[in-house]
């Protein structure tokens, strides 16, 4: 284990065991270096790594503090690693996304208000009106983010936002069949919004799951032929 890794895991252990709680200032560099048996350079690198993960917050002129460790913030840092996944890895995550999007849609249907319904339909109207694929993708994200927000679990909403952000790197609406894909996507959004407006959790869950499954099928159009063949072979062997 390198000195940086030793410092990283040492700090992580202090935070994970509660020795350093949310909002607390971490001990001075000298004390930490002595306790962990590392140099100041190694310790500073470990602090930068934890800061990138949203676990530690360096404050200019004040010191370095443990963040509030809100689950939704820590989950959001997953984007740093999920951005590196190849498409085959992303598609594996879609099984998780189907389940979670269905759950938040059901929760949103149970909790929706007239304001929620107006917002969802306004976003759909804007999606249908724009001719810009990038703008349509952004509105699509906002539509699903609003459903997750109404679902009431910030951590779950943050996780789904990470999944969607990775998926948006593949602009399916720019494919040759993009206009037809957008038409089908808009239709799916209407069905989902209607189920939520009707306060029907079962219908909303089914609509969300079907919509995500459809997106997964579209994403497979970006799969390199060799990788697609290998995935099919692996599935047959299982």
Protein backbone atom coordinates (compact mmCIF):
# COMPACT_ATOMS: atom_id res chain seq x y z
CA UNK A 1 0.00 0.00 0.00
CA UNK A 2 1.39 3.38 -0.99
CA UNK A 3 1.69 6.29 1.44
CA UNK A 4 -1.16 8.11 -0.32
CA UNK A 5 -3.38 5.04 0.00
CA UNK A 6 -2.45 4.72 3.68
CA UNK A 7 -3.39 8.34 4.27
CA UNK A 8 -6.61 7.99 2.26
CA UNK A 9 -7.79 4.88 4.09
CA UNK A 10 -6.70 6.29 7.45
CA UNK A 11 -8.79 9.41 7.00
CA UNK A 12 -11.68 7.40 5.63
CA UNK A 13 -11.55 5.16 8.71
CA UNK A 14 -11.63 8.16 11.04
CA UNK A 15 -14.71 9.50 9.26
CA UNK A 16 -16.43 6.14 8.83
CA UNK A 17 -16.09 5.24 12.52
CA UNK A 18 -17.40 8.62 13.63
CA UNK A 19 -14.14 9.83 15.13
CA UNK A 20 -14.47 12.76 12.74
CA UNK A 21 -18.13 13.67 12.34
CA UNK A 22 -19.99 15.78 9.79
CA UNK A 23 -18.91 19.41 9.88
CA UNK A 24 -15.88 18.77 12.14
CA UNK A 25 -12.47 20.22 11.36
CA UNK A 26 -9.83 17.59 10.73
CA UNK A 27 -6.71 17.67 12.97
CA UNK A 28 -3.65 19.67 11.90
CA UNK A 29 -1.42 18.19 9.20
CA UNK A 30 1.43 17.52 11.60
CA UNK A 31 -0.72 15.44 13.93
CA UNK A 32 -2.27 13.45 11.10
CA UNK A 33 1.07 12.80 9.42
CA UNK A 34 2.52 11.49 12.64
CA UNK A 35 -0.48 9.29 13.41
CA UNK A 36 -0.79 7.88 9.91
CA UNK A 37 2.93 7.62 9.26
CA UNK A 38 2.88 9.61 6.01
CA UNK A 39 4.41 12.77 4.59
CA UNK A 40 2.55 16.05 4.20
CA UNK A 41 2.52 15.56 0.43
CA UNK A 42 0.86 12.15 0.73
CA UNK A 43 -1.67 13.49 3.22
CA UNK A 44 -2.55 16.43 0.98
CA UNK A 45 -3.08 14.11 -1.98
CA UNK A 46 -5.41 11.94 0.12
CA UNK A 47 -7.33 15.04 1.18
CA UNK A 48 -7.71 16.07 -2.47
CA UNK A 49 -9.06 12.61 -3.30
CA UNK A 50 -11.61 12.76 -0.48
CA UNK A 51 -12.58 16.31 -1.47
CA UNK A 52 -13.28 15.09 -5.02
CA UNK A 53 -15.64 12.52 -3.50
CA UNK A 54 -17.48 15.20 -1.54
CA UNK A 55 -16.34 13.82 1.81
CA UNK A 56 -13.99 16.63 2.84
CA UNK A 57 -14.27 20.39 2.27
CA UNK A 58 -11.11 22.53 2.28
CA UNK A 59 -12.04 26.07 3.31
CA UNK A 60 -9.58 28.79 2.39
CA UNK A 61 -8.18 30.47 5.49
CA UNK A 62 -10.18 28.28 7.84
CA UNK A 63 -8.96 24.71 7.51
CA UNK A 64 -10.28 21.43 6.22
CA UNK A 65 -13.59 20.03 7.39
CA UNK A 66 -15.59 16.87 7.03
CA UNK A 67 -18.58 17.61 4.80
CA UNK A 68 -22.13 17.24 6.06
CA UNK A 69 -22.01 13.75 4.51
CA UNK A 70 -25.50 13.99 3.13
CA UNK A 71 -26.22 10.72 1.30
CA UNK A 72 -27.40 12.51 -1.84
CA UNK A 73 -24.11 14.44 -2.08
CA UNK A 74 -21.94 11.38 -1.57
CA UNK A 75 -24.00 9.39 -4.10
CA UNK A 76 -23.60 12.23 -6.58
CA UNK A 77 -19.84 11.73 -6.53
CA UNK A 78 -20.39 8.35 -8.21
CA UNK A 79 -20.48 10.27 -11.46
CA UNK A 80 -16.68 10.47 -11.26
CA UNK A 81 -16.45 6.71 -11.81
CA UNK A 82 -19.62 5.96 -13.76
CA UNK A 83 -18.45 8.38 -16.45
CA UNK A 84 -15.66 5.89 -17.16
CA UNK A 85 -17.91 2.91 -17.79
CA UNK A 86 -18.07 1.56 -21.33
CA UNK A 87 -21.50 1.25 -22.87
CA UNK A 88 -21.70 -2.45 -21.98
CA UNK A 89 -21.24 -1.52 -18.31
CA UNK A 90 -23.82 1.24 -18.53
CA UNK A 91 -26.36 -1.17 -20.00
CA UNK A 92 -25.84 -3.51 -17.03
CA UNK A 93 -26.88 -0.63 -14.77
CA UNK A 94 -30.14 -0.27 -16.65
CA UNK A 95 -31.64 -3.20 -14.77
CA UNK A 96 -31.14 -1.19 -11.58
CA UNK A 97 -32.44 1.97 -13.22
CA UNK A 98 -35.64 0.26 -14.40
CA UNK A 99 -36.44 -0.78 -10.83
CA UNK A 100 -35.61 2.60 -9.30
CA UNK A 101 -37.40 4.73 -11.90
CA UNK A 102 -40.50 2.56 -11.45
CA UNK A 103 -40.33 3.04 -7.69
CA UNK A 104 -39.98 6.83 -7.80
CA UNK A 105 -42.77 7.07 -10.39
CA UNK A 106 -45.08 5.12 -8.09
CA UNK A 107 -44.12 7.37 -5.17
CA UNK A 108 -44.68 10.48 -7.29
CA UNK A 109 -48.14 9.23 -8.29
CA UNK A 110 -49.03 8.83 -4.63
CA UNK A 111 -47.72 12.28 -3.70
CA UNK A 112 -48.35 14.45 -6.76
CA UNK A 113 -50.06 17.82 -6.59
CA UNK A 114 -51.73 19.89 -9.31
CA UNK A 115 -48.49 21.87 -9.49
CA UNK A 116 -46.54 18.70 -10.20
CA UNK A 117 -48.90 17.78 -13.03
CA UNK A 118 -48.61 21.26 -14.58
CA UNK A 119 -44.81 21.14 -14.41
CA UNK A 120 -44.59 17.70 -16.01
CA UNK A 121 -46.91 18.65 -18.86
CA UNK A 122 -45.06 21.95 -19.39
CA UNK A 123 -41.80 20.04 -19.76
CA UNK A 124 -43.37 17.62 -22.23
CA UNK A 125 -44.80 20.51 -24.25
CA UNK A 126 -41.34 22.10 -24.38
CA UNK A 127 -39.77 18.79 -25.46
CA UNK A 128 -42.27 18.39 -28.27
CA UNK A 129 -41.78 21.99 -29.41
CA UNK A 130 -37.99 22.06 -29.66
CA UNK A 131 -36.06 20.96 -32.71
CA UNK A 132 -32.76 20.91 -30.86
CA UNK A 133 -31.77 17.35 -29.81
CA UNK A 134 -29.50 18.66 -27.03
CA UNK A 135 -32.33 20.82 -25.65
CA UNK A 136 -34.72 17.89 -25.85
CA UNK A 137 -32.24 15.77 -23.89
CA UNK A 138 -31.95 18.45 -21.19
CA UNK A 139 -35.74 18.73 -20.90
CA UNK A 140 -36.00 14.96 -20.73
CA UNK A 141 -33.57 15.00 -17.80
CA UNK A 142 -35.59 17.71 -16.04
CA UNK A 143 -38.80 15.74 -16.55
CA UNK A 144 -37.42 12.63 -14.87
CA UNK A 145 -35.66 14.67 -12.19
CA UNK A 146 -38.97 16.30 -11.27
CA UNK A 147 -40.61 12.90 -10.88
CA UNK A 148 -37.74 11.73 -8.67
CA UNK A 149 -37.95 14.92 -6.60
CA UNK A 150 -41.65 14.44 -5.98
CA UNK A 151 -40.89 10.82 -5.06
CA UNK A 152 -39.46 12.26 -1.87
CA UNK A 153 -36.07 10.54 -1.49
CA UNK A 154 -33.18 12.94 -2.26
CA UNK A 155 -30.60 10.13 -2.21
CA UNK A 156 -32.54 8.08 -4.73
CA UNK A 157 -33.07 11.17 -6.88
CA UNK A 158 -29.31 11.83 -6.81
CA UNK A 159 -28.48 8.26 -7.83
CA UNK A 160 -30.90 8.36 -10.74
CA UNK A 161 -29.47 11.71 -11.83
CA UNK A 162 -26.03 10.08 -12.02
CA UNK A 163 -27.42 7.25 -14.17
CA UNK A 164 -29.19 9.69 -16.49
CA UNK A 165 -26.14 11.92 -16.81
CA UNK A 166 -24.06 8.99 -18.05
CA UNK A 167 -26.78 7.92 -20.48
CA UNK A 168 -27.05 11.41 -21.96
CA UNK A 169 -23.51 11.12 -23.30
CA UNK A 170 -25.11 8.99 -26.01
CA UNK A 171 -27.39 11.30 -27.98
CA UNK A 172 -29.95 8.80 -29.28
CA UNK A 173 -32.00 11.57 -30.88
CA UNK A 174 -29.12 12.24 -33.31
CA UNK A 175 -29.43 8.75 -34.82
CA UNK A 176 -30.93 8.54 -38.35
CA UNK A 177 -34.20 7.40 -36.80
CA UNK A 178 -34.00 10.21 -34.23
CA UNK A 179 -37.31 11.92 -35.10
CA UNK A 180 -39.22 8.66 -34.65
CA UNK A 181 -37.40 7.94 -31.39
CA UNK A 182 -38.35 11.37 -30.11
CA UNK A 183 -41.98 10.81 -31.07
CA UNK A 184 -42.03 7.54 -29.13
CA UNK A 185 -40.23 9.12 -26.19
CA UNK A 186 -42.73 11.99 -26.04
CA UNK A 187 -45.57 9.48 -26.19
CA UNK A 188 -44.05 7.55 -23.28
CA UNK A 189 -43.72 10.76 -21.29
CA UNK A 190 -47.41 11.55 -21.84
CA UNK A 191 -48.41 8.09 -20.64
CA UNK A 192 -46.23 8.40 -17.56
CA UNK A 193 -47.43 11.92 -16.73
CA UNK A 194 -51.05 10.83 -17.12
CA UNK A 195 -50.57 7.91 -14.74
CA UNK A 196 -49.02 10.24 -12.18
CA UNK A 197 -51.81 12.80 -12.65
CA UNK A 198 -54.36 10.00 -12.12
CA UNK A 199 -52.55 9.14 -8.88
CA UNK A 200 -52.18 5.55 -10.10
CA UNK A 201 -48.89 4.16 -8.66
CA UNK A 202 -49.17 0.82 -10.47
CA UNK A 203 -49.70 2.41 -13.89
CA UNK A 204 -46.96 4.96 -13.22
CA UNK A 205 -44.46 2.26 -12.24
CA UNK A 206 -45.28 0.24 -15.34
CA UNK A 207 -44.98 3.26 -17.62
CA UNK A 208 -41.62 4.27 -16.13
CA UNK A 209 -40.22 0.77 -16.40
CA UNK A 210 -41.34 0.42 -20.02
CA UNK A 211 -39.84 3.81 -20.89
CA UNK A 212 -36.45 2.97 -19.40
CA UNK A 213 -36.45 -0.42 -21.12
CA UNK A 214 -37.13 1.34 -24.42
CA UNK A 215 -34.22 3.72 -23.83
CA UNK A 216 -31.99 0.75 -23.10
CA UNK A 217 -32.91 -0.79 -26.45
CA UNK A 218 -32.09 2.47 -28.21
CA UNK A 219 -28.72 2.72 -26.51
CA UNK A 220 -27.77 -0.67 -27.87
CA UNK A 221 -27.62 0.97 -31.30
CA UNK A 222 -24.35 2.54 -30.11
CA UNK A 223 -22.84 -0.81 -29.11
CA UNK A 224 -19.76 -1.67 -31.21
CA UNK A 225 -20.50 -4.84 -33.23
CA UNK A 226 -17.68 -6.85 -31.63
CA UNK A 227 -18.69 -5.84 -28.10
CA UNK A 228 -22.35 -6.61 -28.85
CA UNK A 229 -21.44 -10.08 -30.12
CA UNK A 230 -19.33 -10.76 -27.03
CA UNK A 231 -22.16 -9.67 -24.74
CA UNK A 232 -24.64 -11.94 -26.56
CA UNK A 233 -22.22 -14.85 -26.29
CA UNK A 234 -21.72 -14.24 -22.57
CA UNK A 235 -25.49 -14.16 -22.06
CA UNK A 236 -25.95 -17.43 -23.94
CA UNK A 237 -23.24 -19.08 -21.88
CA UNK A 238 -24.91 -18.00 -18.61
